[in-house]
């Protein structure tokens, strides 16, 4: 069965190169990221990670409007909607197929086909929270553009939340973001004119194969 390695990353010796063929991935794989898995380590990790994300959003009173970037088939977007039923919740993804499938599955949620890493990115609304959950590696090479686009979408004092599963042996993008500490350093040093960190947490309990890291930044006025 085809997995993400056939579409998203290509191994070059000890390093990985981003292919980023998300459209073909969603066309050919029914459950691209094993998000419907029930009895595996990845299922337990997803449950743990999603709970931490919801708790992070709840830490702040400003969440009347929330957008998830890289929403895929909409599983997490729907969970967010169920937890914040009075909020406007939307999901963005670069894949047309992913958006079509999301709209069919969750017809009460707005899903938009958009490339957050594009210099031509536009969105008509301003929102309180923008989330990058498990998408950091896929936008890493254009991260500065992504951050600028998120900044333009946020209301004053809005929040950007970045959450990622960090492996002990990172094989991609270490020159840009080297682990969780590298993400924190990037937020503190590279984008501190736009954002300030208001919350950060790294789980290294070794409960899962992945170390869940989350950083919440507030937009500076």
C-alpha atoms as a PDB file:
ATOM      1  CA  UNK A   1       0.000   0.000   0.000  1.00  0.00           C
ATOM      2  CA  UNK A   2       1.303   3.425  -0.948  1.00  0.00           C
ATOM      3  CA  UNK A   3       2.314   5.655   1.917  1.00  0.00           C
ATOM      4  CA  UNK A   4       3.569   9.209   2.289  1.00  0.00           C
ATOM      5  CA  UNK A   5       7.131   8.253   1.359  1.00  0.00           C
ATOM      6  CA  UNK A   6       5.912   7.566  -2.181  1.00  0.00           C
ATOM      7  CA  UNK A   7       4.554  11.090  -2.613  1.00  0.00           C
ATOM      8  CA  UNK A   8       5.874  13.526  -0.019  1.00  0.00           C
ATOM      9  CA  UNK A   9       9.579  12.818   0.636  1.00  0.00           C
ATOM     10  CA  UNK A  10      12.340  11.213  -1.390  1.00  0.00           C
ATOM     11  CA  UNK A  11      15.433   9.815   0.316  1.00  0.00           C
ATOM     12  CA  UNK A  12      18.780  11.037  -0.991  1.00  0.00           C
ATOM     13  CA  UNK A  13      21.429   9.067   0.899  1.00  0.00           C
ATOM     14  CA  UNK A  14      20.910   9.939   4.560  1.00  0.00           C
ATOM     15  CA  UNK A  15      18.853  13.020   3.773  1.00  0.00           C
ATOM     16  CA  UNK A  16      15.269  13.584   2.656  1.00  0.00           C
ATOM     17  CA  UNK A  17      14.116  15.787  -0.192  1.00  0.00           C
ATOM     18  CA  UNK A  18      10.605  17.202  -0.197  1.00  0.00           C
ATOM     19  CA  UNK A  19       8.566  16.084  -3.214  1.00  0.00           C
ATOM     20  CA  UNK A  20       5.296  17.527  -1.937  1.00  0.00           C
ATOM     21  CA  UNK A  21       2.981  15.666  -4.334  1.00  0.00           C
ATOM     22  CA  UNK A  22      -0.001  16.123  -2.023  1.00  0.00           C
ATOM     23  CA  UNK A  23      -2.640  16.044  -4.752  1.00  0.00           C
ATOM     24  CA  UNK A  24      -1.659  12.556  -5.965  1.00  0.00           C
ATOM     25  CA  UNK A  25      -1.333  11.413  -2.365  1.00  0.00           C
ATOM     26  CA  UNK A  26      -4.930  12.341  -1.588  1.00  0.00           C
ATOM     27  CA  UNK A  27      -6.142  10.908  -4.883  1.00  0.00           C
ATOM     28  CA  UNK A  28      -4.549   7.506  -4.353  1.00  0.00           C
ATOM     29  CA  UNK A  29      -4.609   6.916  -0.586  1.00  0.00           C
ATOM     30  CA  UNK A  30      -7.890   6.755   1.321  1.00  0.00           C
ATOM     31  CA  UNK A  31      -6.405   7.537   4.737  1.00  0.00           C
ATOM     32  CA  UNK A  32      -3.150   9.363   3.941  1.00  0.00           C
ATOM     33  CA  UNK A  33      -1.976  10.021   7.493  1.00  0.00           C
ATOM     34  CA  UNK A  34      -3.604   7.038   9.274  1.00  0.00           C
ATOM     35  CA  UNK A  35      -5.971   9.418  11.037  1.00  0.00           C
ATOM     36  CA  UNK A  36      -8.777   6.863  11.263  1.00  0.00           C
ATOM     37  CA  UNK A  37      -6.499   4.261  12.853  1.00  0.00           C
ATOM     38  CA  UNK A  38      -7.941   2.941  16.120  1.00  0.00           C
ATOM     39  CA  UNK A  39      -5.453   0.534  17.676  1.00  0.00           C
ATOM     40  CA  UNK A  40      -1.961   1.704  16.833  1.00  0.00           C
ATOM     41  CA  UNK A  41       0.670   3.900  18.437  1.00  0.00           C
ATOM     42  CA  UNK A  42      -0.114   6.631  15.910  1.00  0.00           C
ATOM     43  CA  UNK A  43      -3.778   6.599  16.977  1.00  0.00           C
ATOM     44  CA  UNK A  44      -2.807   7.084  20.623  1.00  0.00           C
ATOM     45  CA  UNK A  45      -0.424   9.863  19.655  1.00  0.00           C
ATOM     46  CA  UNK A  46      -3.079  11.655  17.584  1.00  0.00           C
ATOM     47  CA  UNK A  47      -5.511  11.559  20.509  1.00  0.00           C
ATOM     48  CA  UNK A  48      -2.834  12.910  22.866  1.00  0.00           C
ATOM     49  CA  UNK A  49      -1.705  15.597  20.432  1.00  0.00           C
ATOM     50  CA  UNK A  50      -5.215  16.809  19.625  1.00  0.00           C
ATOM     51  CA  UNK A  51      -6.087  17.083  23.305  1.00  0.00           C
ATOM     52  CA  UNK A  52      -3.003  19.238  23.877  1.00  0.00           C
ATOM     53  CA  UNK A  53      -3.966  21.464  20.951  1.00  0.00           C
ATOM     54  CA  UNK A  54      -7.507  22.025  22.241  1.00  0.00           C
ATOM     55  CA  UNK A  55      -6.126  22.824  25.701  1.00  0.00           C
ATOM     56  CA  UNK A  56      -3.724  25.335  24.159  1.00  0.00           C
ATOM     57  CA  UNK A  57      -6.557  27.103  22.320  1.00  0.00           C
ATOM     58  CA  UNK A  58      -8.590  27.212  25.533  1.00  0.00           C
ATOM     59  CA  UNK A  59      -5.760  28.963  27.367  1.00  0.00           C
ATOM     60  CA  UNK A  60      -6.683  32.157  25.531  1.00  0.00           C
ATOM     61  CA  UNK A  61     -10.066  33.859  25.474  1.00  0.00           C
ATOM     62  CA  UNK A  62      -9.798  34.916  21.840  1.00  0.00           C
ATOM     63  CA  UNK A  63     -11.002  32.031  19.669  1.00  0.00           C
ATOM     64  CA  UNK A  64     -14.150  33.229  17.910  1.00  0.00           C
ATOM     65  CA  UNK A  65     -12.580  32.343  14.560  1.00  0.00           C
ATOM     66  CA  UNK A  66     -10.086  29.545  13.906  1.00  0.00           C
ATOM     67  CA  UNK A  67      -8.344  28.314  10.766  1.00  0.00           C
ATOM     68  CA  UNK A  68      -6.357  25.107  10.409  1.00  0.00           C
ATOM     69  CA  UNK A  69      -3.644  25.161   7.743  1.00  0.00           C
ATOM     70  CA  UNK A  70      -3.033  21.832   6.001  1.00  0.00           C
ATOM     71  CA  UNK A  71      -6.411  20.461   7.042  1.00  0.00           C
ATOM     72  CA  UNK A  72      -6.191  17.367   4.826  1.00  0.00           C
ATOM     73  CA  UNK A  73      -9.422  15.364   5.042  1.00  0.00           C
ATOM     74  CA  UNK A  74     -10.750  17.557   7.819  1.00  0.00           C
ATOM     75  CA  UNK A  75     -10.493  15.236  10.828  1.00  0.00           C
ATOM     76  CA  UNK A  76      -8.793  17.730  13.127  1.00  0.00           C
ATOM     77  CA  UNK A  77     -10.788  20.657  11.758  1.00  0.00           C
ATOM     78  CA  UNK A  78     -13.965  18.817  12.702  1.00  0.00           C
ATOM     79  CA  UNK A  79     -12.646  18.099  16.212  1.00  0.00           C
ATOM     80  CA  UNK A  80     -11.876  21.790  16.631  1.00  0.00           C
ATOM     81  CA  UNK A  81     -15.378  22.674  15.422  1.00  0.00           C
ATOM     82  CA  UNK A  82     -16.948  20.237  17.890  1.00  0.00           C
ATOM     83  CA  UNK A  83     -14.990  21.807  20.747  1.00  0.00           C
ATOM     84  CA  UNK A  84     -15.724  25.401  19.704  1.00  0.00           C
ATOM     85  CA  UNK A  85     -19.233  25.182  18.343  1.00  0.00           C
ATOM     86  CA  UNK A  86     -19.882  28.914  18.624  1.00  0.00           C
ATOM     87  CA  UNK A  87     -16.743  29.745  16.658  1.00  0.00           C
ATOM     88  CA  UNK A  88     -16.169  30.138  12.944  1.00  0.00           C
ATOM     89  CA  UNK A  89     -13.873  27.244  11.978  1.00  0.00           C
ATOM     90  CA  UNK A  90     -12.277  26.689   8.577  1.00  0.00           C
ATOM     91  CA  UNK A  91      -9.642  24.454   7.008  1.00  0.00           C
ATOM     92  CA  UNK A  92      -7.149  25.263   4.244  1.00  0.00           C
ATOM     93  CA  UNK A  93      -5.260  22.749   2.136  1.00  0.00           C
ATOM     94  CA  UNK A  94      -3.179  22.870  -1.026  1.00  0.00           C
ATOM     95  CA  UNK A  95      -4.812  19.708  -2.416  1.00  0.00           C
ATOM     96  CA  UNK A  96      -8.010  20.114  -4.428  1.00  0.00           C
ATOM     97  CA  UNK A  97      -8.907  16.475  -3.792  1.00  0.00           C
ATOM     98  CA  UNK A  98      -8.452  16.848  -0.035  1.00  0.00           C
ATOM     99  CA  UNK A  99     -10.755  19.883  -0.013  1.00  0.00           C
ATOM    100  CA  UNK A 100     -13.410  18.101  -2.074  1.00  0.00           C
ATOM    101  CA  UNK A 101     -13.373  15.082   0.241  1.00  0.00           C
ATOM    102  CA  UNK A 102     -13.473  17.303   3.326  1.00  0.00           C
ATOM    103  CA  UNK A 103     -16.496  19.203   2.045  1.00  0.00           C
ATOM    104  CA  UNK A 104     -18.339  15.948   1.389  1.00  0.00           C
ATOM    105  CA  UNK A 105     -17.564  14.577   4.841  1.00  0.00           C
ATOM    106  CA  UNK A 106     -18.076  17.767   6.862  1.00  0.00           C
ATOM    107  CA  UNK A 107     -20.540  19.918   4.939  1.00  0.00           C
ATOM    108  CA  UNK A 108     -21.040  22.341   7.848  1.00  0.00           C
ATOM    109  CA  UNK A 109     -17.399  23.498   7.782  1.00  0.00           C
ATOM    110  CA  UNK A 110     -15.789  25.878   5.287  1.00  0.00           C
ATOM    111  CA  UNK A 111     -12.840  24.256   3.492  1.00  0.00           C
ATOM    112  CA  UNK A 112     -10.724  26.292   1.062  1.00  0.00           C
ATOM    113  CA  UNK A 113      -8.127  25.250  -1.497  1.00  0.00           C
ATOM    114  CA  UNK A 114      -5.246  27.590  -0.691  1.00  0.00           C
ATOM    115  CA  UNK A 115      -1.446  27.512  -0.680  1.00  0.00           C
ATOM    116  CA  UNK A 116      -0.247  29.193   2.510  1.00  0.00           C
ATOM    117  CA  UNK A 117       3.324  29.143   1.135  1.00  0.00           C
ATOM    118  CA  UNK A 118       2.462  31.236  -1.922  1.00  0.00           C
ATOM    119  CA  UNK A 119       3.551  34.853  -2.326  1.00  0.00           C
ATOM    120  CA  UNK A 120       0.107  35.431  -3.888  1.00  0.00           C
ATOM    121  CA  UNK A 121      -1.852  34.059  -0.927  1.00  0.00           C
ATOM    122  CA  UNK A 122      -4.975  36.062  -0.033  1.00  0.00           C
ATOM    123  CA  UNK A 123      -7.878  35.585   2.356  1.00  0.00           C
ATOM    124  CA  UNK A 124     -10.747  37.992   2.789  1.00  0.00           C
ATOM    125  CA  UNK A 125     -11.239  37.537   6.554  1.00  0.00           C
ATOM    126  CA  UNK A 126      -9.195  38.203   9.665  1.00  0.00           C
ATOM    127  CA  UNK A 127      -9.301  35.539  12.366  1.00  0.00           C
ATOM    128  CA  UNK A 128      -8.305  34.977  15.993  1.00  0.00           C
ATOM    129  CA  UNK A 129      -6.346  31.727  15.689  1.00  0.00           C
ATOM    130  CA  UNK A 130      -4.347  30.099  12.882  1.00  0.00           C
ATOM    131  CA  UNK A 131      -3.077  26.569  13.455  1.00  0.00           C
ATOM    132  CA  UNK A 132      -0.228  24.662  11.805  1.00  0.00           C
ATOM    133  CA  UNK A 133      -0.688  21.171  13.201  1.00  0.00           C
ATOM    134  CA  UNK A 134       1.674  18.476  11.885  1.00  0.00           C
ATOM    135  CA  UNK A 135       2.428  20.543   8.771  1.00  0.00           C
ATOM    136  CA  UNK A 136       5.657  22.309   9.685  1.00  0.00           C
ATOM    137  CA  UNK A 137       7.982  20.057   7.672  1.00  0.00           C
ATOM    138  CA  UNK A 138       5.867  20.486   4.533  1.00  0.00           C
ATOM    139  CA  UNK A 139       6.146  24.289   4.498  1.00  0.00           C
ATOM    140  CA  UNK A 140       9.627  24.548   5.963  1.00  0.00           C
ATOM    141  CA  UNK A 141      11.426  25.668   2.815  1.00  0.00           C
ATOM    142  CA  UNK A 142       9.046  28.640   2.491  1.00  0.00           C
ATOM    143  CA  UNK A 143       8.536  29.223   6.203  1.00  0.00           C
ATOM    144  CA  UNK A 144       9.135  32.974   6.120  1.00  0.00           C
ATOM    145  CA  UNK A 145       6.424  33.369   3.468  1.00  0.00           C
ATOM    146  CA  UNK A 146       4.064  31.177   5.485  1.00  0.00           C
ATOM    147  CA  UNK A 147       4.602  33.220   8.644  1.00  0.00           C
ATOM    148  CA  UNK A 148       3.992  36.479   6.785  1.00  0.00           C
ATOM    149  CA  UNK A 149       0.767  35.098   5.316  1.00  0.00           C
ATOM    150  CA  UNK A 150      -0.429  33.929   8.732  1.00  0.00           C
ATOM    151  CA  UNK A 151       0.418  37.357  10.173  1.00  0.00           C
ATOM    152  CA  UNK A 152      -1.718  39.012   7.485  1.00  0.00           C
ATOM    153  CA  UNK A 153      -4.687  36.752   8.349  1.00  0.00           C
ATOM    154  CA  UNK A 154      -4.694  37.370  12.081  1.00  0.00           C
ATOM    155  CA  UNK A 155      -6.584  39.968  14.035  1.00  0.00           C
ATOM    156  CA  UNK A 156      -4.483  42.195  16.272  1.00  0.00           C
ATOM    157  CA  UNK A 157      -3.338  40.081  19.236  1.00  0.00           C
ATOM    158  CA  UNK A 158      -4.446  36.944  17.388  1.00  0.00           C
ATOM    159  CA  UNK A 159      -2.634  33.650  17.924  1.00  0.00           C
ATOM    160  CA  UNK A 160      -0.513  31.384  15.733  1.00  0.00           C
ATOM    161  CA  UNK A 161      -0.170  27.832  17.056  1.00  0.00           C
ATOM    162  CA  UNK A 162       2.491  25.514  15.647  1.00  0.00           C
ATOM    163  CA  UNK A 163       2.357  21.875  16.715  1.00  0.00           C
ATOM    164  CA  UNK A 164       4.582  19.107  15.439  1.00  0.00           C
ATOM    165  CA  UNK A 165       5.651  15.536  16.108  1.00  0.00           C
ATOM    166  CA  UNK A 166       9.416  15.705  16.563  1.00  0.00           C
ATOM    167  CA  UNK A 167      11.498  12.586  15.953  1.00  0.00           C
ATOM    168  CA  UNK A 168      14.661  11.915  17.914  1.00  0.00           C
ATOM    169  CA  UNK A 169      16.580  11.659  14.648  1.00  0.00           C
ATOM    170  CA  UNK A 170      15.428  14.453  12.358  1.00  0.00           C
ATOM    171  CA  UNK A 171      16.380  13.741   8.749  1.00  0.00           C
ATOM    172  CA  UNK A 172      14.968  16.831   7.070  1.00  0.00           C
ATOM    173  CA  UNK A 173      15.256  20.578   7.454  1.00  0.00           C
ATOM    174  CA  UNK A 174      17.682  20.736  10.372  1.00  0.00           C
ATOM    175  CA  UNK A 175      19.391  23.719   8.747  1.00  0.00           C
ATOM    176  CA  UNK A 176      16.111  25.650   9.069  1.00  0.00           C
ATOM    177  CA  UNK A 177      14.414  24.259  12.185  1.00  0.00           C
ATOM    178  CA  UNK A 178      16.456  21.840  14.291  1.00  0.00           C
ATOM    179  CA  UNK A 179      13.990  20.095  16.582  1.00  0.00           C
ATOM    180  CA  UNK A 180      11.664  21.750  19.078  1.00  0.00           C
ATOM    181  CA  UNK A 181      14.401  23.990  20.438  1.00  0.00           C
ATOM    182  CA  UNK A 182      15.039  25.161  16.887  1.00  0.00           C
ATOM    183  CA  UNK A 183      11.369  26.068  16.485  1.00  0.00           C
ATOM    184  CA  UNK A 184      11.435  28.077  19.706  1.00  0.00           C
ATOM    185  CA  UNK A 185      14.651  29.796  18.615  1.00  0.00           C
ATOM    186  CA  UNK A 186      13.121  30.680  15.249  1.00  0.00           C
ATOM    187  CA  UNK A 187      10.065  32.225  16.931  1.00  0.00           C
ATOM    188  CA  UNK A 188      12.172  34.127  19.456  1.00  0.00           C
ATOM    189  CA  UNK A 189      14.818  35.412  17.053  1.00  0.00           C
ATOM    190  CA  UNK A 190      13.606  35.372  13.456  1.00  0.00           C
ATOM    191  CA  UNK A 191      10.002  36.531  13.760  1.00  0.00           C
ATOM    192  CA  UNK A 192      10.096  38.431  17.052  1.00  0.00           C
ATOM    193  CA  UNK A 193       9.157  41.641  15.255  1.00  0.00           C
ATOM    194  CA  UNK A 194       5.787  40.059  14.388  1.00  0.00           C
ATOM    195  CA  UNK A 195       5.106  37.542  17.163  1.00  0.00           C
ATOM    196  CA  UNK A 196       5.842  36.869  20.813  1.00  0.00           C
ATOM    197  CA  UNK A 197       5.720  33.398  22.383  1.00  0.00           C
ATOM    198  CA  UNK A 198       3.010  33.161  25.037  1.00  0.00           C
ATOM    199  CA  UNK A 199       3.083  29.393  25.554  1.00  0.00           C
ATOM    200  CA  UNK A 200       5.399  26.522  24.703  1.00  0.00           C
ATOM    201  CA  UNK A 201       5.513  22.896  25.782  1.00  0.00           C
ATOM    202  CA  UNK A 202       7.479  19.846  24.728  1.00  0.00           C
ATOM    203  CA  UNK A 203       6.482  16.333  25.727  1.00  0.00           C
ATOM    204  CA  UNK A 204       9.520  14.064  25.970  1.00  0.00           C
ATOM    205  CA  UNK A 205       7.908  11.437  28.185  1.00  0.00           C
ATOM    206  CA  UNK A 206       8.813   8.758  25.598  1.00  0.00           C
ATOM    207  CA  UNK A 207       5.208   7.549  25.700  1.00  0.00           C
ATOM    208  CA  UNK A 208       5.080   7.568  21.908  1.00  0.00           C
ATOM    209  CA  UNK A 209       7.473   7.250  18.997  1.00  0.00           C
ATOM    210  CA  UNK A 210       7.059  11.007  18.564  1.00  0.00           C
ATOM    211  CA  UNK A 211       7.805  13.920  20.885  1.00  0.00           C
ATOM    212  CA  UNK A 212       4.903  16.350  20.697  1.00  0.00           C
ATOM    213  CA  UNK A 213       5.904  20.009  20.683  1.00  0.00           C
ATOM    214  CA  UNK A 214       3.608  23.022  20.666  1.00  0.00           C
ATOM    215  CA  UNK A 215       4.337  26.747  20.476  1.00  0.00           C
ATOM    216  CA  UNK A 216       1.700  29.485  20.698  1.00  0.00           C
ATOM    217  CA  UNK A 217       2.618  32.980  19.550  1.00  0.00           C
ATOM    218  CA  UNK A 218       0.622  36.191  19.834  1.00  0.00           C
ATOM    219  CA  UNK A 219       0.628  38.668  16.980  1.00  0.00           C
ATOM    220  CA  UNK A 220       2.174  41.969  17.924  1.00  0.00           C
ATOM    221  CA  UNK A 221       0.096  45.042  17.136  1.00  0.00           C
END
